[in-house]
Amino acid sequence: MSTIYQEMLDVGEGTRQWSVGARIFHQPHLRALGEHELLLVGHSEVEGRLHVERIGAPFHVVLLGVDGEGVVTGGDKLLTLGPGQMAILPAGGHSGFRSVGMPWRLAWFLINDVAEWQSLAGGPVSVRPLLHAESLYRVVSVLCAEAQLGRSGFAAQTLLLAVDMFRRALACHADEAIAARLQAVFEPVRQSPAQDWRVDSFARAYGTSAAHLHRLCVRHLEATPQQLIIRQRMLRARELLVAGAGNVAAVAEQVGYQEVASFSRRFRRHFDISPGELLQALKQAPAGGG
């Protein structure tokens, strides 16, 4: 990617920023950042104006919100970045961020657009939850302070901790994304529970083998694909019973069970109550008042 890009920086007098860069002209600079394909790492205490816009930048920008809030933009998209949140602005697009008139404290990483950080590339600007935001902010603060004092050895050790914490934050989100995608793959069962669903069809929908899908489901959802199919059927069965869609036999048939006894055993195992007991409890429940 070309290193020529457009950039607008507007930093007001009330905003203080600290950073350390990988290149010799950065002040201060720390060569060890380049080993991790990091261009700049820093933190900001925004009390006034801060507005940054870039078009076609050859690096990703990751913002870590700690206190207050600001706005992140990506094309026509406008997102709020608040405490305990992480914003990812992928390289190459038109994106930026700005303060909104309130105090805002954040840390940030400028990351080279290379294969090592491929997980940041290609998608739209996004805001995600971030665990331990304050801890990561403090480590970045120490990194900048040690670099400013010229203690490159201490700064390099602090950088290792910052990178490890940052990678774990990204990996945590990656796991959540996989879990959400897996859940979405099995969602059709709930819409058509009586269909003869096969694990192979879900593996094809996910784009992997049945064996790998099994491993992913166990790791990220703590259930096998077959258990997830049953889970969706049971959830749908409970919805139908609560909605008054029929007696136990009728609902069993609607969710793909030919034997009422088998359906009832499965339902009790799942919800610790039989479908008949659930219907009886619903009948006895007092009607809501107006």
C-alpha atoms as a PDB file:
ATOM      1  CA  MET A   1       0.000   0.000   0.000  1.00  0.00           C
ATOM      2  CA  SER A   2       1.227   3.505  -0.799  1.00  0.00           C
ATOM      3  CA  THR A   3       2.553   5.540   2.119  1.00  0.00           C
ATOM      4  CA  ILE A   4       1.027   8.719   0.660  1.00  0.00           C
ATOM      5  CA  TYR A   5      -2.232   9.541   2.433  1.00  0.00           C
ATOM      6  CA  GLN A   6      -4.309  12.469   3.619  1.00  0.00           C
ATOM      7  CA  GLU A   7      -4.354  13.390   7.283  1.00  0.00           C
ATOM      8  CA  MET A   8      -5.972  16.114   9.366  1.00  0.00           C
ATOM      9  CA  LEU A   9      -4.954  16.670  12.998  1.00  0.00           C
ATOM     10  CA  ASP A  10      -6.665  19.284  15.155  1.00  0.00           C
ATOM     11  CA  VAL A  11      -5.496  19.179  18.772  1.00  0.00           C
ATOM     12  CA  GLY A  12      -6.739  21.899  21.104  1.00  0.00           C
ATOM     13  CA  GLU A  13      -4.802  23.459  23.971  1.00  0.00           C
ATOM     14  CA  GLY A  14      -6.760  21.534  26.578  1.00  0.00           C
ATOM     15  CA  THR A  15      -5.694  18.151  25.207  1.00  0.00           C
ATOM     16  CA  ARG A  16      -2.497  16.434  26.350  1.00  0.00           C
ATOM     17  CA  GLN A  17      -0.965  13.521  24.472  1.00  0.00           C
ATOM     18  CA  TRP A  18       2.002  11.231  25.070  1.00  0.00           C
ATOM     19  CA  SER A  19       3.401   8.712  22.594  1.00  0.00           C
ATOM     20  CA  VAL A  20       6.372   6.633  21.561  1.00  0.00           C
ATOM     21  CA  GLY A  21       7.152   5.770  17.945  1.00  0.00           C
ATOM     22  CA  ALA A  22       9.119   3.172  16.057  1.00  0.00           C
ATOM     23  CA  ARG A  23      10.966   5.532  13.700  1.00  0.00           C
ATOM     24  CA  ILE A  24      14.040   7.593  14.382  1.00  0.00           C
ATOM     25  CA  PHE A  25      12.218  10.889  13.814  1.00  0.00           C
ATOM     26  CA  HIS A  26       9.599  10.067  16.456  1.00  0.00           C
ATOM     27  CA  GLN A  27      10.313  11.740  19.772  1.00  0.00           C
ATOM     28  CA  PRO A  28      10.696   9.661  21.798  1.00  0.00           C
ATOM     29  CA  HIS A  29      11.300   6.584  19.671  1.00  0.00           C
ATOM     30  CA  LEU A  30      11.738   2.922  20.566  1.00  0.00           C
ATOM     31  CA  ARG A  31      13.115   0.573  17.957  1.00  0.00           C
ATOM     32  CA  ALA A  32      11.417  -2.433  19.612  1.00  0.00           C
ATOM     33  CA  LEU A  33       8.013  -1.219  18.388  1.00  0.00           C
ATOM     34  CA  GLY A  34       9.026  -2.138  14.845  1.00  0.00           C
ATOM     35  CA  GLU A  35       9.562  -5.754  15.900  1.00  0.00           C
ATOM     36  CA  HIS A  36       5.829  -5.920  16.608  1.00  0.00           C
ATOM     37  CA  GLU A  37       4.865  -3.930  13.478  1.00  0.00           C
ATOM     38  CA  LEU A  38       3.702  -1.017  15.626  1.00  0.00           C
ATOM     39  CA  LEU A  39       4.132   2.501  14.297  1.00  0.00           C
ATOM     40  CA  LEU A  40       3.021   4.546  17.323  1.00  0.00           C
ATOM     41  CA  VAL A  41       1.620   3.810  20.782  1.00  0.00           C
ATOM     42  CA  GLY A  42       0.258   6.524  23.019  1.00  0.00           C
ATOM     43  CA  HIS A  43      -2.449   7.902  25.253  1.00  0.00           C
ATOM     44  CA  SER A  44      -4.480  11.101  25.411  1.00  0.00           C
ATOM     45  CA  GLU A  45      -6.227  13.152  28.089  1.00  0.00           C
ATOM     46  CA  VAL A  46      -8.748  15.227  26.186  1.00  0.00           C
ATOM     47  CA  GLU A  47     -10.127  18.286  27.951  1.00  0.00           C
ATOM     48  CA  GLY A  48     -10.846  20.352  24.873  1.00  0.00           C
ATOM     49  CA  ARG A  49     -10.619  19.764  21.162  1.00  0.00           C
ATOM     50  CA  LEU A  50      -9.300  16.640  19.440  1.00  0.00           C
ATOM     51  CA  HIS A  51     -10.164  15.784  15.836  1.00  0.00           C
ATOM     52  CA  VAL A  52      -8.278  13.324  13.631  1.00  0.00           C
ATOM     53  CA  GLU A  53      -9.224  12.283  10.078  1.00  0.00           C
ATOM     54  CA  ARG A  54      -7.280  10.092   7.676  1.00  0.00           C
ATOM     55  CA  ILE A  55      -7.866   8.888   4.112  1.00  0.00           C
ATOM     56  CA  GLY A  56      -5.862   5.984   2.720  1.00  0.00           C
ATOM     57  CA  ALA A  57      -3.531   5.585   5.708  1.00  0.00           C
ATOM     58  CA  PRO A  58      -1.269   2.492   5.447  1.00  0.00           C
ATOM     59  CA  PHE A  59      -1.858   1.606   9.098  1.00  0.00           C
ATOM     60  CA  HIS A  60      -4.691   0.522  11.362  1.00  0.00           C
ATOM     61  CA  VAL A  61      -5.760   2.680  14.296  1.00  0.00           C
ATOM     62  CA  VAL A  62      -7.069   1.077  17.491  1.00  0.00           C
ATOM     63  CA  LEU A  63      -8.522   3.291  20.228  1.00  0.00           C
ATOM     64  CA  LEU A  64      -9.090   2.110  23.797  1.00  0.00           C
ATOM     65  CA  GLY A  65     -11.676   4.141  25.719  1.00  0.00           C
ATOM     66  CA  VAL A  66     -11.182   4.494  29.486  1.00  0.00           C
ATOM     67  CA  ASP A  67     -13.138   7.548  30.707  1.00  0.00           C
ATOM     68  CA  GLY A  68     -15.617   9.880  29.049  1.00  0.00           C
ATOM     69  CA  GLU A  69     -16.596   9.407  25.444  1.00  0.00           C
ATOM     70  CA  GLY A  70     -15.935  10.580  21.925  1.00  0.00           C
ATOM     71  CA  VAL A  71     -17.059   9.812  18.402  1.00  0.00           C
ATOM     72  CA  VAL A  72     -15.491   7.459  15.854  1.00  0.00           C
ATOM     73  CA  THR A  73     -16.281   7.880  12.166  1.00  0.00           C
ATOM     74  CA  GLY A  74     -15.943   5.612   9.164  1.00  0.00           C
ATOM     75  CA  GLY A  75     -17.379   6.973   5.917  1.00  0.00           C
ATOM     76  CA  ASP A  76     -20.997   7.776   6.771  1.00  0.00           C
ATOM     77  CA  LYS A  77     -20.825   5.705   9.953  1.00  0.00           C
ATOM     78  CA  LEU A  78     -20.760   7.473  13.319  1.00  0.00           C
ATOM     79  CA  LEU A  79     -20.153   5.478  16.506  1.00  0.00           C
ATOM     80  CA  THR A  80     -19.733   6.441  20.153  1.00  0.00           C
ATOM     81  CA  LEU A  81     -16.590   5.241  21.936  1.00  0.00           C
ATOM     82  CA  GLY A  82     -17.048   5.159  25.687  1.00  0.00           C
ATOM     83  CA  PRO A  83     -15.365   3.585  28.736  1.00  0.00           C
ATOM     84  CA  GLY A  84     -14.454  -0.082  28.384  1.00  0.00           C
ATOM     85  CA  GLN A  85     -14.712  -0.030  24.594  1.00  0.00           C
ATOM     86  CA  MET A  86     -12.264  -0.552  21.752  1.00  0.00           C
ATOM     87  CA  ALA A  87     -12.593   1.059  18.312  1.00  0.00           C
ATOM     88  CA  ILE A  88     -10.892  -0.429  15.245  1.00  0.00           C
ATOM     89  CA  LEU A  89     -10.268   1.843  12.255  1.00  0.00           C
ATOM     90  CA  PRO A  90      -8.812  -0.374   9.505  1.00  0.00           C
ATOM     91  CA  ALA A  91      -6.100   0.853   7.164  1.00  0.00           C
ATOM     92  CA  GLY A  92      -6.837   2.251   3.741  1.00  0.00           C
ATOM     93  CA  GLY A  93     -10.262   3.778   4.275  1.00  0.00           C
ATOM     94  CA  HIS A  94     -11.621   7.136   5.355  1.00  0.00           C
ATOM     95  CA  SER A  95     -11.963   7.191   9.123  1.00  0.00           C
ATOM     96  CA  GLY A  96     -11.336   9.347  12.152  1.00  0.00           C
ATOM     97  CA  PHE A  97     -12.333  10.285  15.676  1.00  0.00           C
ATOM     98  CA  ARG A  98     -13.143  13.426  17.607  1.00  0.00           C
ATOM     99  CA  SER A  99     -14.039  14.704  21.041  1.00  0.00           C
ATOM    100  CA  VAL A 100     -17.585  15.823  21.831  1.00  0.00           C
ATOM    101  CA  GLY A 101     -17.024  18.496  24.472  1.00  0.00           C
ATOM    102  CA  MET A 102     -16.509  16.290  27.526  1.00  0.00           C
ATOM    103  CA  PRO A 103     -13.317  14.947  29.151  1.00  0.00           C
ATOM    104  CA  TRP A 104     -12.103  11.856  27.345  1.00  0.00           C
ATOM    105  CA  ARG A 105      -9.246   9.541  28.290  1.00  0.00           C
ATOM    106  CA  LEU A 106      -8.012   6.942  25.827  1.00  0.00           C
ATOM    107  CA  ALA A 107      -4.999   4.929  24.708  1.00  0.00           C
ATOM    108  CA  TRP A 108      -4.223   4.176  21.085  1.00  0.00           C
ATOM    109  CA  PHE A 109      -2.149   1.991  18.783  1.00  0.00           C
ATOM    110  CA  LEU A 110      -1.106   2.746  15.185  1.00  0.00           C
ATOM    111  CA  ILE A 111      -0.370  -0.633  13.599  1.00  0.00           C
ATOM    112  CA  ASN A 112       1.239  -1.421  10.265  1.00  0.00           C
ATOM    113  CA  ASP A 113      -1.036  -3.042   7.701  1.00  0.00           C
ATOM    114  CA  VAL A 114       0.816  -6.371   7.513  1.00  0.00           C
ATOM    115  CA  ALA A 115      -0.114 -10.060   7.678  1.00  0.00           C
ATOM    116  CA  GLU A 116       0.764 -10.229  11.374  1.00  0.00           C
ATOM    117  CA  TRP A 117      -2.224  -7.964  12.124  1.00  0.00           C
ATOM    118  CA  GLN A 118      -4.522  -9.347   9.424  1.00  0.00           C
ATOM    119  CA  SER A 119      -7.426  -9.650  11.862  1.00  0.00           C
ATOM    120  CA  LEU A 120      -7.710  -5.836  11.856  1.00  0.00           C
ATOM    121  CA  ALA A 121      -7.893  -5.498   8.075  1.00  0.00           C
ATOM    122  CA  GLY A 122     -10.711  -5.321   5.605  1.00  0.00           C
ATOM    123  CA  GLY A 123     -13.754  -4.713   7.775  1.00  0.00           C
ATOM    124  CA  PRO A 124     -15.675  -1.542   8.534  1.00  0.00           C
ATOM    125  CA  VAL A 125     -14.925   0.783  11.426  1.00  0.00           C
ATOM    126  CA  SER A 126     -16.240  -0.946  14.550  1.00  0.00           C
ATOM    127  CA  VAL A 127     -16.583  -0.492  18.307  1.00  0.00           C
ATOM    128  CA  ARG A 128     -16.282  -3.520  20.580  1.00  0.00           C
ATOM    129  CA  PRO A 129     -16.320  -4.229  24.326  1.00  0.00           C
ATOM    130  CA  LEU A 130     -12.911  -4.145  25.999  1.00  0.00           C
ATOM    131  CA  LEU A 131     -12.113  -5.869  29.286  1.00  0.00           C
ATOM    132  CA  HIS A 132      -9.447  -4.398  31.587  1.00  0.00           C
ATOM    133  CA  ALA A 133      -9.268  -1.119  29.653  1.00  0.00           C
ATOM    134  CA  GLU A 134      -7.857   0.753  32.663  1.00  0.00           C
ATOM    135  CA  SER A 135      -5.037  -1.783  33.131  1.00  0.00           C
ATOM    136  CA  LEU A 136      -3.997  -1.587  29.496  1.00  0.00           C
ATOM    137  CA  TYR A 137      -4.130   2.216  29.629  1.00  0.00           C
ATOM    138  CA  ARG A 138      -1.786   2.241  32.621  1.00  0.00           C
ATOM    139  CA  VAL A 139       0.712  -0.025  30.887  1.00  0.00           C
ATOM    140  CA  VAL A 140       0.703   2.237  27.815  1.00  0.00           C
ATOM    141  CA  SER A 141       1.196   5.230  30.118  1.00  0.00           C
ATOM    142  CA  VAL A 142       4.222   3.604  31.756  1.00  0.00           C
ATOM    143  CA  LEU A 143       5.620   2.674  28.324  1.00  0.00           C
ATOM    144  CA  CYS A 144       5.448   6.295  27.169  1.00  0.00           C
ATOM    145  CA  ALA A 145       6.956   7.585  30.411  1.00  0.00           C
ATOM    146  CA  GLU A 146       9.895   5.163  30.314  1.00  0.00           C
ATOM    147  CA  ALA A 147      10.577   6.037  26.678  1.00  0.00           C
ATOM    148  CA  GLN A 148      10.427   9.753  27.465  1.00  0.00           C
ATOM    149  CA  LEU A 149      13.012   9.256  30.213  1.00  0.00           C
ATOM    150  CA  GLY A 150      15.272   7.479  27.725  1.00  0.00           C
ATOM    151  CA  ARG A 151      15.167   4.180  29.593  1.00  0.00           C
ATOM    152  CA  SER A 152      14.826   2.015  26.500  1.00  0.00           C
ATOM    153  CA  GLY A 153      15.433  -1.252  28.360  1.00  0.00           C
ATOM    154  CA  PHE A 154      12.571  -0.674  30.783  1.00  0.00           C
ATOM    155  CA  ALA A 155      10.419   0.653  27.948  1.00  0.00           C
ATOM    156  CA  ALA A 156      11.051  -2.458  25.856  1.00  0.00           C
ATOM    157  CA  GLN A 157       9.997  -4.706  28.748  1.00  0.00           C
ATOM    158  CA  THR A 158       6.845  -2.647  29.285  1.00  0.00           C
ATOM    159  CA  LEU A 159       6.128  -2.872  25.561  1.00  0.00           C
ATOM    160  CA  LEU A 160       6.108  -6.676  25.754  1.00  0.00           C
ATOM    161  CA  LEU A 161       3.425  -6.511  28.453  1.00  0.00           C
ATOM    162  CA  ALA A 162       1.392  -3.941  26.487  1.00  0.00           C
ATOM    163  CA  VAL A 163       1.491  -6.031  23.301  1.00  0.00           C
ATOM    164  CA  ASP A 164       0.549  -9.202  25.182  1.00  0.00           C
ATOM    165  CA  MET A 165      -2.436  -7.506  26.842  1.00  0.00           C
ATOM    166  CA  PHE A 166      -3.486  -5.946  23.562  1.00  0.00           C
ATOM    167  CA  ARG A 167      -3.321  -9.246  21.661  1.00  0.00           C
ATOM    168  CA  ARG A 168      -5.369 -10.937  24.373  1.00  0.00           C
ATOM    169  CA  ALA A 169      -8.013  -8.223  24.068  1.00  0.00           C
ATOM    170  CA  LEU A 170      -8.216  -8.825  20.318  1.00  0.00           C
ATOM    171  CA  ALA A 171      -8.285 -12.610  20.760  1.00  0.00           C
ATOM    172  CA  CYS A 172     -11.119 -12.326  23.279  1.00  0.00           C
ATOM    173  CA  HIS A 173     -13.198 -10.491  20.728  1.00  0.00           C
ATOM    174  CA  ALA A 174     -12.251 -12.989  18.019  1.00  0.00           C
ATOM    175  CA  ASP A 175     -13.605 -15.804  20.215  1.00  0.00           C
ATOM    176  CA  GLU A 176     -16.833 -13.871  20.747  1.00  0.00           C
ATOM    177  CA  ALA A 177     -17.163 -13.328  16.997  1.00  0.00           C
ATOM    178  CA  ILE A 178     -16.747 -17.046  16.304  1.00  0.00           C
ATOM    179  CA  ALA A 179     -19.336 -17.919  18.957  1.00  0.00           C
ATOM    180  CA  ALA A 180     -21.814 -15.422  17.472  1.00  0.00           C
ATOM    181  CA  ARG A 181     -21.253 -16.797  13.961  1.00  0.00           C
ATOM    182  CA  LEU A 182     -21.757 -20.378  15.157  1.00  0.00           C
ATOM    183  CA  GLN A 183     -24.993 -19.430  16.909  1.00  0.00           C
ATOM    184  CA  ALA A 184     -26.225 -17.752  13.730  1.00  0.00           C
ATOM    185  CA  VAL A 185     -25.490 -20.909  11.721  1.00  0.00           C
ATOM    186  CA  PHE A 186     -27.851 -22.923  13.952  1.00  0.00           C
ATOM    187  CA  GLU A 187     -30.578 -20.260  14.090  1.00  0.00           C
ATOM    188  CA  PRO A 188     -32.557 -21.774  11.132  1.00  0.00           C
ATOM    189  CA  VAL A 189     -33.409 -24.751  13.355  1.00  0.00           C
ATOM    190  CA  ARG A 190     -35.548 -22.485  15.491  1.00  0.00           C
ATOM    191  CA  GLN A 191     -37.426 -21.239  12.431  1.00  0.00           C
ATOM    192  CA  SER A 192     -38.033 -24.742  11.009  1.00  0.00           C
ATOM    193  CA  PRO A 193     -37.600 -27.139  13.952  1.00  0.00           C
ATOM    194  CA  ALA A 194     -39.402 -30.071  12.328  1.00  0.00           C
ATOM    195  CA  GLN A 195     -36.951 -30.257   9.431  1.00  0.00           C
ATOM    196  CA  ASP A 196     -34.541 -33.199   9.316  1.00  0.00           C
ATOM    197  CA  TRP A 197     -31.428 -31.197  10.138  1.00  0.00           C
ATOM    198  CA  ARG A 198     -28.007 -32.751   9.504  1.00  0.00           C
ATOM    199  CA  VAL A 199     -24.678 -31.624  10.953  1.00  0.00           C
ATOM    200  CA  ASP A 200     -23.117 -31.783   7.478  1.00  0.00           C
ATOM    201  CA  SER A 201     -25.440 -29.028   6.266  1.00  0.00           C
ATOM    202  CA  PHE A 202     -24.333 -26.703   9.090  1.00  0.00           C
ATOM    203  CA  ALA A 203     -20.693 -27.487   8.371  1.00  0.00           C
ATOM    204  CA  ARG A 204     -21.218 -26.476   4.748  1.00  0.00           C
ATOM    205  CA  ALA A 205     -22.977 -23.285   5.842  1.00  0.00           C
ATOM    206  CA  TYR A 206     -20.009 -22.426   8.079  1.00  0.00           C
ATOM    207  CA  GLY A 207     -17.527 -23.402   5.386  1.00  0.00           C
ATOM    208  CA  THR A 208     -15.716 -26.203   7.181  1.00  0.00           C
ATOM    209  CA  SER A 209     -15.780 -29.948   7.774  1.00  0.00           C
ATOM    210  CA  ALA A 210     -18.191 -31.619  10.166  1.00  0.00           C
ATOM    211  CA  ALA A 211     -15.283 -32.653  12.400  1.00  0.00           C
ATOM    212  CA  HIS A 212     -13.923 -29.106  12.635  1.00  0.00           C
ATOM    213  CA  LEU A 213     -17.400 -27.696  13.233  1.00  0.00           C
ATOM    214  CA  HIS A 214     -17.742 -30.130  16.121  1.00  0.00           C
ATOM    215  CA  ARG A 215     -14.477 -28.874  17.635  1.00  0.00           C
ATOM    216  CA  LEU A 216     -15.490 -25.224  17.199  1.00  0.00           C
ATOM    217  CA  CYS A 217     -18.888 -25.751  18.812  1.00  0.00           C
ATOM    218  CA  VAL A 218     -17.429 -27.559  21.806  1.00  0.00           C
ATOM    219  CA  ARG A 219     -14.757 -24.891  22.289  1.00  0.00           C
ATOM    220  CA  HIS A 220     -16.858 -21.762  21.790  1.00  0.00           C
ATOM    221  CA  LEU A 221     -20.397 -22.868  22.744  1.00  0.00           C
ATOM    222  CA  GLU A 222     -19.624 -25.800  25.063  1.00  0.00           C
ATOM    223  CA  ALA A 223     -21.981 -28.078  23.129  1.00  0.00           C
ATOM    224  CA  THR A 224     -21.796 -30.434  20.182  1.00  0.00           C
ATOM    225  CA  PRO A 225     -23.616 -29.567  16.931  1.00  0.00           C
ATOM    226  CA  GLN A 226     -26.268 -32.185  17.705  1.00  0.00           C
ATOM    227  CA  GLN A 227     -26.815 -30.673  21.150  1.00  0.00           C
ATOM    228  CA  LEU A 228     -27.208 -27.240  19.556  1.00  0.00           C
ATOM    229  CA  ILE A 229     -29.869 -28.592  17.192  1.00  0.00           C
ATOM    230  CA  ILE A 230     -31.733 -30.032  20.169  1.00  0.00           C
ATOM    231  CA  ARG A 231     -31.310 -26.791  22.108  1.00  0.00           C
ATOM    232  CA  GLN A 232     -32.929 -24.776  19.317  1.00  0.00           C
ATOM    233  CA  ARG A 233     -35.808 -27.247  19.040  1.00  0.00           C
ATOM    234  CA  MET A 234     -36.438 -27.112  22.776  1.00  0.00           C
ATOM    235  CA  LEU A 235     -36.371 -23.316  22.806  1.00  0.00           C
ATOM    236  CA  ARG A 236     -38.899 -23.276  19.992  1.00  0.00           C
ATOM    237  CA  ALA A 237     -41.040 -25.874  21.757  1.00  0.00           C
ATOM    238  CA  ARG A 238     -41.202 -23.742  24.891  1.00  0.00           C
ATOM    239  CA  GLU A 239     -42.159 -20.698  22.806  1.00  0.00           C
ATOM    240  CA  LEU A 240     -44.983 -22.674  21.170  1.00  0.00           C
ATOM    241  CA  LEU A 241     -46.286 -24.004  24.489  1.00  0.00           C
ATOM    242  CA  VAL A 242     -46.263 -20.555  26.080  1.00  0.00           C
ATOM    243  CA  ALA A 243     -48.000 -19.110  23.016  1.00  0.00           C
ATOM    244  CA  GLY A 244     -50.790 -21.717  23.282  1.00  0.00           C
ATOM    245  CA  ALA A 245     -49.945 -23.318  19.940  1.00  0.00           C
ATOM    246  CA  GLY A 246     -51.357 -26.713  20.958  1.00  0.00           C
ATOM    247  CA  ASN A 247     -51.126 -29.552  23.440  1.00  0.00           C
ATOM    248  CA  VAL A 248     -47.956 -31.503  24.142  1.00  0.00           C
ATOM    249  CA  ALA A 249     -48.436 -33.913  21.241  1.00  0.00           C
ATOM    250  CA  ALA A 250     -49.088 -31.117  18.766  1.00  0.00           C
ATOM    251  CA  VAL A 251     -46.045 -29.152  19.846  1.00  0.00           C
ATOM    252  CA  ALA A 252     -43.877 -32.280  19.803  1.00  0.00           C
ATOM    253  CA  GLU A 253     -44.812 -32.846  16.171  1.00  0.00           C
ATOM    254  CA  GLN A 254     -44.162 -29.191  15.292  1.00  0.00           C
ATOM    255  CA  VAL A 255     -40.577 -29.445  16.530  1.00  0.00           C
ATOM    256  CA  GLY A 256     -39.802 -32.760  14.831  1.00  0.00           C
ATOM    257  CA  TYR A 257     -40.662 -35.400  17.433  1.00  0.00           C
ATOM    258  CA  GLN A 258     -42.926 -38.299  16.521  1.00  0.00           C
ATOM    259  CA  GLU A 259     -42.948 -39.788  20.026  1.00  0.00           C
ATOM    260  CA  VAL A 260     -44.451 -37.634  22.753  1.00  0.00           C
ATOM    261  CA  ALA A 261     -42.623 -39.530  25.495  1.00  0.00           C
ATOM    262  CA  SER A 262     -39.238 -38.903  23.878  1.00  0.00           C
ATOM    263  CA  PHE A 263     -40.056 -35.213  23.440  1.00  0.00           C
ATOM    264  CA  SER A 264     -41.206 -34.898  27.059  1.00  0.00           C
ATOM    265  CA  ARG A 265     -38.043 -36.533  28.410  1.00  0.00           C
ATOM    266  CA  ARG A 266     -35.865 -34.237  26.305  1.00  0.00           C
ATOM    267  CA  PHE A 267     -37.863 -31.153  27.342  1.00  0.00           C
ATOM    268  CA  ARG A 268     -37.609 -32.016  31.058  1.00  0.00           C
ATOM    269  CA  ARG A 269     -33.872 -32.643  30.732  1.00  0.00           C
ATOM    270  CA  HIS A 270     -33.490 -29.231  29.132  1.00  0.00           C
ATOM    271  CA  PHE A 271     -35.754 -27.076  31.341  1.00  0.00           C
ATOM    272  CA  ASP A 272     -36.164 -29.213  34.487  1.00  0.00           C
ATOM    273  CA  ILE A 273     -39.929 -29.289  33.923  1.00  0.00           C
ATOM    274  CA  SER A 274     -42.051 -31.440  31.652  1.00  0.00           C
ATOM    275  CA  PRO A 275     -44.095 -29.816  28.855  1.00  0.00           C
ATOM    276  CA  GLY A 276     -47.287 -30.998  30.536  1.00  0.00           C
ATOM    277  CA  GLU A 277     -46.271 -29.386  33.825  1.00  0.00           C
ATOM    278  CA  LEU A 278     -45.459 -26.175  31.988  1.00  0.00           C
ATOM    279  CA  LEU A 279     -48.906 -26.098  30.379  1.00  0.00           C
ATOM    280  CA  GLN A 280     -50.541 -26.771  33.758  1.00  0.00           C
ATOM    281  CA  ALA A 281     -48.555 -23.956  35.371  1.00  0.00           C
ATOM    282  CA  LEU A 282     -49.578 -21.587  32.592  1.00  0.00           C
ATOM    283  CA  LYS A 283     -53.245 -22.446  33.107  1.00  0.00           C
ATOM    284  CA  GLN A 284     -52.981 -21.778  36.835  1.00  0.00           C
ATOM    285  CA  ALA A 285     -51.157 -18.502  36.445  1.00  0.00           C
ATOM    286  CA  PRO A 286     -53.357 -15.462  37.220  1.00  0.00           C
ATOM    287  CA  ALA A 287     -54.284 -13.327  34.242  1.00  0.00           C
ATOM    288  CA  GLY A 288     -52.517  -9.970  34.050  1.00  0.00           C
ATOM    289  CA  GLY A 289     -54.522  -6.970  35.157  1.00  0.00           C
ATOM    290  CA  GLY A 290     -55.192  -3.917  32.970  1.00  0.00           C
END
